[in-house]
Amino acid sequence: MADEVDLDTEDDAAGEESGEPLEEEGDIAADYLEELLDIADLDGDIDTYVESGRAHVSIVTDSQTLVGKDGKVLEALQELSRLAVMTEVGRRSRLMLDVAGYRESRRKELVALATEAIQSVKETGEPAHLAPMNPFERKIVHDAVAAAGLVSESEGVEPKRHVVITQEQ
């Protein structure tokens, strides 16, 4: 799934267009996570790919150990992986990590939640205040709300930052 590399383009913003730096980020994170799995004596296969201008690393496993309650361990691992990449390449990474399909499953839950809230706002005209979410989760909700033609914004301060959905005014 990785982007095809165009070796003839030398001046494409240090390879940003070709995906090379993103593939490198994925490889660095995969190596880091592989070592972590070995140290923790946990099983899992690691897949890497580049999608939507972002390196993705997925740990394929049946265990929820690396996901943790409400994805907290996954979030921490993602930050540690980003730090490992930053240490190697010298720039901040937007790497996305998934473990045991948690993010895709959570995405489906959030779209369903957003759909319910959107329907409520359309029926009642009253704003819908959702539970606090991390930035990744809020982005999913904002996208669903925009697709439905309503307006959403994030309110509050972490860790209680949440999405409020309203009708366009």
N, C-alpha and C. Protein backbone atom coordinates (compact mmCIF):
# COMPACT_ATOMS: atom_id res chain seq x y z
N MET A 1 0.80 -1.19 0.00
CA MET A 1 0.00 0.00 0.00
C MET A 1 0.85 1.26 0.00
N ALA A 2 2.14 1.14 0.23
CA ALA A 2 2.99 2.32 0.30
C ALA A 2 3.03 3.01 -1.04
N ASP A 3 3.24 4.34 -1.00
CA ASP A 3 3.32 5.11 -2.23
C ASP A 3 4.52 4.66 -3.04
N GLU A 4 4.37 4.70 -4.37
CA GLU A 4 5.47 4.35 -5.24
C GLU A 4 6.49 5.47 -5.21
N VAL A 5 7.74 5.14 -5.16
CA VAL A 5 8.80 6.13 -5.06
C VAL A 5 9.25 6.55 -6.44
N ASP A 6 9.31 7.85 -6.68
CA ASP A 6 9.78 8.41 -7.93
C ASP A 6 11.22 8.86 -7.73
N LEU A 7 12.16 8.07 -8.24
CA LEU A 7 13.57 8.35 -8.03
C LEU A 7 14.08 9.51 -8.87
N ASP A 8 13.31 9.96 -9.86
CA ASP A 8 13.74 11.05 -10.72
C ASP A 8 13.49 12.42 -10.10
N THR A 9 12.78 12.49 -9.02
CA THR A 9 12.42 13.78 -8.43
C THR A 9 13.29 14.05 -7.23
N GLU A 10 14.35 14.83 -7.43
CA GLU A 10 15.28 15.12 -6.37
C GLU A 10 14.83 16.28 -5.49
N ASP A 11 14.11 17.25 -6.08
CA ASP A 11 13.80 18.47 -5.35
C ASP A 11 12.35 18.52 -4.88
N ASP A 12 11.77 17.41 -4.52
CA ASP A 12 10.36 17.39 -4.12
C ASP A 12 10.22 17.53 -2.60
N ALA A 13 10.71 18.61 -2.07
CA ALA A 13 10.64 18.89 -0.63
C ALA A 13 11.25 17.74 0.18
N ALA A 14 12.47 17.43 -0.12
CA ALA A 14 13.21 16.37 0.60
C ALA A 14 12.49 15.04 0.56
N GLY A 15 11.81 14.75 -0.54
CA GLY A 15 11.16 13.45 -0.68
C GLY A 15 9.77 13.38 -0.11
N GLU A 16 9.21 14.47 0.40
CA GLU A 16 7.88 14.43 1.00
C GLU A 16 6.84 13.86 0.04
N GLU A 17 6.91 14.27 -1.23
CA GLU A 17 5.93 13.82 -2.20
C GLU A 17 6.05 12.32 -2.47
N SER A 18 7.26 11.81 -2.45
CA SER A 18 7.48 10.42 -2.84
C SER A 18 7.10 9.44 -1.75
N GLY A 19 6.99 9.90 -0.52
CA GLY A 19 6.65 9.01 0.56
C GLY A 19 7.86 8.41 1.27
N GLU A 20 9.06 8.62 0.73
CA GLU A 20 10.26 8.03 1.34
C GLU A 20 10.42 8.37 2.82
N PRO A 21 10.33 9.64 3.21
CA PRO A 21 10.48 9.94 4.64
C PRO A 21 9.38 9.27 5.48
N LEU A 22 8.20 9.17 4.93
CA LEU A 22 7.11 8.54 5.68
C LEU A 22 7.34 7.04 5.81
N GLU A 23 7.85 6.43 4.77
CA GLU A 23 8.19 5.00 4.86
C GLU A 23 9.28 4.79 5.90
N GLU A 24 10.25 5.70 5.92
CA GLU A 24 11.33 5.62 6.91
C GLU A 24 10.75 5.74 8.33
N GLU A 25 9.82 6.68 8.52
CA GLU A 25 9.18 6.83 9.83
C GLU A 25 8.51 5.52 10.26
N GLY A 26 7.78 4.91 9.33
CA GLY A 26 7.11 3.65 9.63
C GLY A 26 8.09 2.55 10.00
N ASP A 27 9.20 2.49 9.27
CA ASP A 27 10.22 1.47 9.54
C ASP A 27 10.88 1.68 10.91
N ILE A 28 11.18 2.94 11.23
CA ILE A 28 11.80 3.24 12.52
C ILE A 28 10.85 2.85 13.65
N ALA A 29 9.59 3.25 13.52
CA ALA A 29 8.59 2.93 14.55
C ALA A 29 8.40 1.42 14.66
N ALA A 30 8.37 0.73 13.52
CA ALA A 30 8.19 -0.72 13.53
C ALA A 30 9.34 -1.40 14.27
N ASP A 31 10.57 -0.95 14.01
CA ASP A 31 11.74 -1.51 14.71
C ASP A 31 11.63 -1.27 16.20
N TYR A 32 11.26 -0.06 16.58
CA TYR A 32 11.11 0.29 17.99
C TYR A 32 10.06 -0.60 18.65
N LEU A 33 8.92 -0.74 18.00
CA LEU A 33 7.82 -1.53 18.58
C LEU A 33 8.15 -3.02 18.61
N GLU A 34 8.90 -3.49 17.62
CA GLU A 34 9.32 -4.90 17.60
C GLU A 34 10.19 -5.19 18.82
N GLU A 35 11.12 -4.29 19.13
CA GLU A 35 11.95 -4.46 20.32
C GLU A 35 11.11 -4.44 21.58
N LEU A 36 10.14 -3.55 21.63
CA LEU A 36 9.26 -3.46 22.79
C LEU A 36 8.47 -4.75 22.98
N LEU A 37 7.93 -5.30 21.88
CA LEU A 37 7.20 -6.57 21.96
C LEU A 37 8.10 -7.68 22.47
N ASP A 38 9.35 -7.71 21.99
CA ASP A 38 10.30 -8.74 22.44
C ASP A 38 10.59 -8.60 23.93
N ILE A 39 10.83 -7.39 24.38
CA ILE A 39 11.13 -7.15 25.80
C ILE A 39 9.94 -7.55 26.67
N ALA A 40 8.73 -7.22 26.23
CA ALA A 40 7.53 -7.52 27.01
C ALA A 40 7.05 -8.95 26.80
N ASP A 41 7.71 -9.68 25.91
CA ASP A 41 7.33 -11.05 25.58
C ASP A 41 5.88 -11.14 25.13
N LEU A 42 5.51 -10.23 24.21
CA LEU A 42 4.16 -10.20 23.64
C LEU A 42 4.22 -10.59 22.17
N ASP A 43 3.18 -11.27 21.71
CA ASP A 43 3.09 -11.67 20.31
C ASP A 43 2.38 -10.60 19.50
N GLY A 44 2.81 -10.47 18.25
CA GLY A 44 2.15 -9.54 17.34
C GLY A 44 2.97 -9.37 16.09
N ASP A 45 2.27 -9.22 14.96
CA ASP A 45 2.93 -8.92 13.70
C ASP A 45 2.78 -7.43 13.44
N ILE A 46 3.78 -6.85 12.83
CA ILE A 46 3.77 -5.40 12.59
C ILE A 46 3.69 -5.13 11.10
N ASP A 47 2.71 -4.32 10.71
CA ASP A 47 2.53 -3.89 9.33
C ASP A 47 2.75 -2.38 9.27
N THR A 48 3.37 -1.91 8.19
CA THR A 48 3.54 -0.47 7.99
C THR A 48 3.03 -0.11 6.60
N TYR A 49 2.50 1.10 6.50
CA TYR A 49 2.08 1.63 5.20
C TYR A 49 1.95 3.14 5.30
N VAL A 50 1.86 3.80 4.16
CA VAL A 50 1.69 5.24 4.11
C VAL A 50 0.33 5.52 3.49
N GLU A 51 -0.44 6.39 4.16
CA GLU A 51 -1.77 6.74 3.67
C GLU A 51 -2.10 8.16 4.09
N SER A 52 -2.64 8.92 3.17
CA SER A 52 -3.07 10.30 3.43
C SER A 52 -1.94 11.15 4.04
N GLY A 53 -0.74 10.99 3.52
CA GLY A 53 0.38 11.80 3.98
C GLY A 53 0.84 11.51 5.40
N ARG A 54 0.63 10.27 5.83
CA ARG A 54 0.97 9.90 7.21
C ARG A 54 1.45 8.46 7.23
N ALA A 55 2.49 8.20 8.02
CA ALA A 55 2.96 6.83 8.22
C ALA A 55 2.01 6.14 9.19
N HIS A 56 1.67 4.90 8.88
CA HIS A 56 0.80 4.10 9.74
C HIS A 56 1.55 2.82 10.12
N VAL A 57 1.42 2.46 11.40
CA VAL A 57 1.98 1.21 11.89
C VAL A 57 0.86 0.49 12.61
N SER A 58 0.72 -0.78 12.30
CA SER A 58 -0.35 -1.57 12.90
C SER A 58 0.26 -2.82 13.54
N ILE A 59 -0.08 -3.06 14.80
CA ILE A 59 0.34 -4.29 15.47
C ILE A 59 -0.86 -5.23 15.41
N VAL A 60 -0.70 -6.31 14.67
CA VAL A 60 -1.76 -7.29 14.50
C VAL A 60 -1.61 -8.33 15.59
N THR A 61 -2.60 -8.36 16.49
CA THR A 61 -2.57 -9.26 17.63
C THR A 61 -3.99 -9.48 18.13
N ASP A 62 -4.19 -10.54 18.88
CA ASP A 62 -5.49 -10.78 19.50
C ASP A 62 -5.54 -10.18 20.90
N SER A 63 -4.40 -9.80 21.43
CA SER A 63 -4.30 -9.28 22.80
C SER A 63 -4.71 -7.81 22.85
N GLN A 64 -5.40 -7.44 23.92
CA GLN A 64 -5.78 -6.04 24.15
C GLN A 64 -4.80 -5.36 25.12
N THR A 65 -3.77 -6.06 25.53
CA THR A 65 -2.81 -5.53 26.50
C THR A 65 -2.24 -4.20 26.05
N LEU A 66 -1.87 -4.09 24.78
CA LEU A 66 -1.24 -2.87 24.28
C LEU A 66 -2.26 -1.79 23.88
N VAL A 67 -3.54 -2.10 24.04
CA VAL A 67 -4.59 -1.10 23.81
C VAL A 67 -4.89 -0.40 25.13
N GLY A 68 -5.11 -1.21 26.18
CA GLY A 68 -5.42 -0.65 27.49
C GLY A 68 -6.84 -0.12 27.57
N LYS A 69 -7.21 0.32 28.75
CA LYS A 69 -8.56 0.86 28.97
C LYS A 69 -8.73 2.15 28.18
N ASP A 70 -9.78 2.19 27.39
CA ASP A 70 -10.10 3.36 26.55
C ASP A 70 -8.95 3.77 25.64
N GLY A 71 -8.08 2.81 25.27
CA GLY A 71 -7.00 3.10 24.34
C GLY A 71 -5.84 3.89 24.93
N LYS A 72 -5.78 3.97 26.25
CA LYS A 72 -4.74 4.79 26.90
C LYS A 72 -3.33 4.25 26.65
N VAL A 73 -3.16 2.94 26.71
CA VAL A 73 -1.84 2.35 26.45
C VAL A 73 -1.46 2.57 24.99
N LEU A 74 -2.42 2.41 24.10
CA LEU A 74 -2.19 2.66 22.67
C LEU A 74 -1.74 4.10 22.44
N GLU A 75 -2.40 5.06 23.06
CA GLU A 75 -2.02 6.47 22.91
C GLU A 75 -0.59 6.70 23.40
N ALA A 76 -0.24 6.09 24.54
CA ALA A 76 1.11 6.23 25.08
C ALA A 76 2.14 5.61 24.14
N LEU A 77 1.84 4.43 23.62
CA LEU A 77 2.75 3.77 22.67
C LEU A 77 2.93 4.60 21.41
N GLN A 78 1.85 5.22 20.96
CA GLN A 78 1.95 6.06 19.77
C GLN A 78 2.89 7.23 20.04
N GLU A 79 2.76 7.86 21.19
CA GLU A 79 3.64 8.99 21.52
C GLU A 79 5.09 8.53 21.65
N LEU A 80 5.32 7.39 22.28
CA LEU A 80 6.68 6.86 22.40
C LEU A 80 7.26 6.54 21.02
N SER A 81 6.43 5.98 20.14
CA SER A 81 6.88 5.67 18.78
C SER A 81 7.22 6.95 18.03
N ARG A 82 6.39 7.98 18.20
CA ARG A 82 6.67 9.27 17.55
C ARG A 82 7.99 9.85 18.07
N LEU A 83 8.24 9.71 19.37
CA LEU A 83 9.50 10.20 19.93
C LEU A 83 10.69 9.43 19.38
N ALA A 84 10.55 8.12 19.23
CA ALA A 84 11.62 7.30 18.66
C ALA A 84 11.92 7.75 17.24
N VAL A 85 10.87 8.04 16.47
CA VAL A 85 11.05 8.51 15.09
C VAL A 85 11.72 9.88 15.10
N MET A 86 11.24 10.78 15.95
CA MET A 86 11.80 12.13 16.00
C MET A 86 13.28 12.10 16.38
N THR A 87 13.65 11.21 17.27
CA THR A 87 15.05 11.07 17.67
C THR A 87 15.92 10.67 16.48
N GLU A 88 15.40 9.80 15.64
CA GLU A 88 16.15 9.33 14.47
C GLU A 88 16.19 10.34 13.32
N VAL A 89 15.05 10.95 13.01
CA VAL A 89 14.97 11.78 11.80
C VAL A 89 15.09 13.28 12.08
N GLY A 90 14.96 13.68 13.35
CA GLY A 90 15.15 15.08 13.69
C GLY A 90 13.98 15.98 13.43
N ARG A 91 12.80 15.41 13.20
CA ARG A 91 11.60 16.23 13.01
C ARG A 91 10.40 15.50 13.62
N ARG A 92 9.37 16.26 13.93
CA ARG A 92 8.17 15.72 14.53
C ARG A 92 7.46 14.78 13.55
N SER A 93 6.90 13.71 14.07
CA SER A 93 6.20 12.73 13.24
C SER A 93 4.71 12.77 13.54
N ARG A 94 3.90 12.53 12.51
CA ARG A 94 2.46 12.42 12.66
C ARG A 94 2.04 10.95 12.57
N LEU A 95 2.95 10.07 12.85
CA LEU A 95 2.73 8.63 12.77
C LEU A 95 1.45 8.23 13.49
N MET A 96 0.71 7.31 12.89
CA MET A 96 -0.51 6.78 13.49
C MET A 96 -0.28 5.31 13.81
N LEU A 97 -0.56 4.93 15.05
CA LEU A 97 -0.40 3.55 15.49
C LEU A 97 -1.76 2.95 15.78
N ASP A 98 -1.94 1.70 15.38
CA ASP A 98 -3.14 0.94 15.74
C ASP A 98 -2.69 -0.39 16.30
N VAL A 99 -3.46 -0.89 17.25
CA VAL A 99 -3.18 -2.19 17.86
C VAL A 99 -4.47 -2.98 17.87
N ALA A 100 -4.41 -4.20 17.35
CA ALA A 100 -5.55 -5.13 17.37
C ALA A 100 -6.80 -4.54 16.74
N GLY A 101 -6.63 -3.64 15.76
CA GLY A 101 -7.78 -3.06 15.08
C GLY A 101 -8.60 -2.11 15.93
N TYR A 102 -8.04 -1.65 17.04
CA TYR A 102 -8.79 -0.79 17.97
C TYR A 102 -9.25 0.50 17.31
N ARG A 103 -8.37 1.17 16.58
CA ARG A 103 -8.75 2.47 16.00
C ARG A 103 -9.89 2.33 14.99
N GLU A 104 -9.86 1.31 14.16
CA GLU A 104 -10.93 1.13 13.18
C GLU A 104 -12.25 0.82 13.89
N SER A 105 -12.19 0.00 14.90
CA SER A 105 -13.38 -0.33 15.68
C SER A 105 -13.93 0.93 16.37
N ARG A 106 -13.03 1.70 16.94
CA ARG A 106 -13.43 2.94 17.62
C ARG A 106 -14.00 3.93 16.63
N ARG A 107 -13.45 3.99 15.42
CA ARG A 107 -13.95 4.89 14.39
C ARG A 107 -15.42 4.57 14.09
N LYS A 108 -15.73 3.30 13.96
CA LYS A 108 -17.11 2.89 13.68
C LYS A 108 -18.05 3.29 14.82
N GLU A 109 -17.59 3.10 16.06
CA GLU A 109 -18.39 3.50 17.23
C GLU A 109 -18.64 5.00 17.22
N LEU A 110 -17.61 5.78 16.92
CA LEU A 110 -17.74 7.23 16.93
C LEU A 110 -18.64 7.74 15.83
N VAL A 111 -18.57 7.14 14.66
CA VAL A 111 -19.46 7.54 13.57
C VAL A 111 -20.92 7.25 13.96
N ALA A 112 -21.16 6.11 14.60
CA ALA A 112 -22.51 5.78 15.05
C ALA A 112 -22.98 6.78 16.11
N LEU A 113 -22.10 7.12 17.05
CA LEU A 113 -22.42 8.10 18.09
C LEU A 113 -22.72 9.46 17.46
N ALA A 114 -21.89 9.88 16.53
CA ALA A 114 -22.09 11.16 15.86
C ALA A 114 -23.40 11.17 15.08
N THR A 115 -23.71 10.06 14.43
CA THR A 115 -24.95 9.96 13.65
C THR A 115 -26.16 10.13 14.55
N GLU A 116 -26.14 9.50 15.73
CA GLU A 116 -27.23 9.66 16.70
C GLU A 116 -27.36 11.11 17.14
N ALA A 117 -26.24 11.74 17.47
CA ALA A 117 -26.25 13.13 17.93
C ALA A 117 -26.73 14.06 16.81
N ILE A 118 -26.30 13.81 15.60
CA ILE A 118 -26.72 14.62 14.45
C ILE A 118 -28.23 14.53 14.28
N GLN A 119 -28.76 13.33 14.37
CA GLN A 119 -30.21 13.14 14.24
C GLN A 119 -30.96 13.90 15.34
N SER A 120 -30.44 13.84 16.56
CA SER A 120 -31.06 14.55 17.68
C SER A 120 -31.07 16.06 17.45
N VAL A 121 -29.95 16.60 16.99
CA VAL A 121 -29.85 18.03 16.72
C VAL A 121 -30.82 18.43 15.62
N LYS A 122 -30.93 17.60 14.59
CA LYS A 122 -31.86 17.91 13.48
C LYS A 122 -33.31 17.88 13.96
N GLU A 123 -33.63 16.94 14.85
CA GLU A 123 -35.01 16.81 15.32
C GLU A 123 -35.39 17.87 16.34
N THR A 124 -34.49 18.18 17.27
CA THR A 124 -34.82 19.08 18.36
C THR A 124 -34.32 20.51 18.16
N GLY A 125 -33.30 20.68 17.35
CA GLY A 125 -32.69 21.99 17.18
C GLY A 125 -31.78 22.37 18.33
N GLU A 126 -31.69 21.51 19.33
CA GLU A 126 -30.84 21.76 20.50
C GLU A 126 -29.42 21.24 20.25
N PRO A 127 -28.41 21.95 20.76
CA PRO A 127 -27.03 21.47 20.61
C PRO A 127 -26.83 20.13 21.33
N ALA A 128 -25.94 19.32 20.79
CA ALA A 128 -25.58 18.05 21.42
C ALA A 128 -24.15 18.16 21.93
N HIS A 129 -23.96 17.91 23.23
CA HIS A 129 -22.64 17.93 23.85
C HIS A 129 -22.22 16.48 24.04
N LEU A 130 -21.13 16.08 23.39
CA LEU A 130 -20.65 14.71 23.50
C LEU A 130 -19.66 14.58 24.65
N ALA A 131 -19.37 13.35 25.01
CA ALA A 131 -18.41 13.07 26.08
C ALA A 131 -17.01 13.51 25.65
N PRO A 132 -16.13 13.77 26.61
CA PRO A 132 -14.74 14.13 26.26
C PRO A 132 -14.08 13.06 25.40
N MET A 133 -13.25 13.52 24.46
CA MET A 133 -12.56 12.63 23.52
C MET A 133 -11.17 13.17 23.27
N ASN A 134 -10.30 12.28 22.80
CA ASN A 134 -8.97 12.73 22.41
C ASN A 134 -9.05 13.37 21.02
N PRO A 135 -7.99 14.05 20.58
CA PRO A 135 -8.04 14.75 19.28
C PRO A 135 -8.38 13.84 18.10
N PHE A 136 -7.84 12.63 18.07
CA PHE A 136 -8.14 11.68 16.99
C PHE A 136 -9.63 11.40 16.92
N GLU A 137 -10.25 11.17 18.07
CA GLU A 137 -11.67 10.85 18.12
C GLU A 137 -12.52 12.07 17.74
N ARG A 138 -12.13 13.24 18.22
CA ARG A 138 -12.89 14.45 17.88
C ARG A 138 -12.86 14.70 16.38
N LYS A 139 -11.72 14.46 15.76
CA LYS A 139 -11.61 14.66 14.30
C LYS A 139 -12.60 13.78 13.55
N ILE A 140 -12.75 12.55 13.98
CA ILE A 140 -13.70 11.64 13.34
C ILE A 140 -15.12 12.20 13.45
N VAL A 141 -15.48 12.69 14.64
CA VAL A 141 -16.81 13.26 14.85
C VAL A 141 -17.00 14.52 14.02
N HIS A 142 -16.00 15.41 14.02
CA HIS A 142 -16.10 16.64 13.22
C HIS A 142 -16.33 16.32 11.74
N ASP A 143 -15.63 15.32 11.23
CA ASP A 143 -15.79 14.93 9.83
C ASP A 143 -17.20 14.42 9.55
N ALA A 144 -17.74 13.61 10.45
CA ALA A 144 -19.10 13.07 10.28
C ALA A 144 -20.13 14.19 10.33
N VAL A 145 -19.94 15.14 11.23
CA VAL A 145 -20.87 16.27 11.37
C VAL A 145 -20.83 17.13 10.12
N ALA A 146 -19.64 17.43 9.63
CA ALA A 146 -19.50 18.24 8.41
C ALA A 146 -20.17 17.55 7.22
N ALA A 147 -20.01 16.24 7.12
CA ALA A 147 -20.62 15.49 6.02
C ALA A 147 -22.15 15.54 6.09
N ALA A 148 -22.69 15.70 7.31
CA ALA A 148 -24.15 15.77 7.48
C ALA A 148 -24.68 17.19 7.32
N GLY A 149 -23.78 18.15 7.11
CA GLY A 149 -24.21 19.52 6.89
C GLY A 149 -24.48 20.31 8.16
N LEU A 150 -24.02 19.83 9.29
CA LEU A 150 -24.17 20.57 10.54
C LEU A 150 -22.82 21.16 10.95
N VAL A 151 -22.81 21.84 12.09
CA VAL A 151 -21.62 22.51 12.56
C VAL A 151 -21.17 21.87 13.87
N SER A 152 -19.87 21.74 14.06
CA SER A 152 -19.35 21.22 15.32
C SER A 152 -18.11 22.01 15.70
N GLU A 153 -17.88 22.07 17.00
CA GLU A 153 -16.66 22.68 17.49
C GLU A 153 -16.26 21.98 18.78
N SER A 154 -14.98 22.05 19.07
CA SER A 154 -14.47 21.47 20.31
C SER A 154 -14.49 22.54 21.38
N GLU A 155 -14.93 22.14 22.58
CA GLU A 155 -14.96 23.06 23.71
C GLU A 155 -14.28 22.41 24.90
N GLY A 156 -13.81 23.26 25.82
CA GLY A 156 -13.20 22.76 27.04
C GLY A 156 -11.70 22.61 26.90
N VAL A 157 -11.12 22.11 27.98
CA VAL A 157 -9.67 21.95 28.07
C VAL A 157 -9.38 20.48 28.31
N GLU A 158 -8.30 19.97 27.68
CA GLU A 158 -7.90 18.58 27.89
C GLU A 158 -7.78 18.31 29.39
N PRO A 159 -8.17 17.21 29.89
CA PRO A 159 -8.69 16.03 29.20
C PRO A 159 -10.21 16.03 29.03
N LYS A 160 -10.86 17.16 29.30
CA LYS A 160 -12.32 17.22 29.21
C LYS A 160 -12.79 17.91 27.93
N ARG A 161 -11.92 18.04 26.97
CA ARG A 161 -12.29 18.68 25.70
C ARG A 161 -13.29 17.78 24.98
N HIS A 162 -14.37 18.37 24.49
CA HIS A 162 -15.45 17.59 23.89
C HIS A 162 -16.02 18.32 22.68
N VAL A 163 -16.84 17.61 21.91
CA VAL A 163 -17.44 18.15 20.70
C VAL A 163 -18.86 18.61 21.01
N VAL A 164 -19.22 19.79 20.48
CA VAL A 164 -20.58 20.29 20.56
C VAL A 164 -21.09 20.40 19.12
N ILE A 165 -22.25 19.79 18.87
CA ILE A 165 -22.84 19.79 17.53
C ILE A 165 -24.06 20.71 17.53
N THR A 166 -24.12 21.61 16.53
CA THR A 166 -25.25 22.52 16.40
C THR A 166 -25.69 22.59 14.94
N GLN A 167 -26.89 23.14 14.75
CA GLN A 167 -27.34 23.37 13.38
C GLN A 167 -26.64 24.62 12.85
N GLU A 168 -26.44 24.65 11.56
CA GLU A 168 -25.81 25.83 10.96
C GLU A 168 -26.71 27.03 11.15
N GLN A 169 -26.13 28.16 11.52
CA GLN A 169 -26.96 29.34 11.79
C GLN A 169 -26.68 30.45 10.83
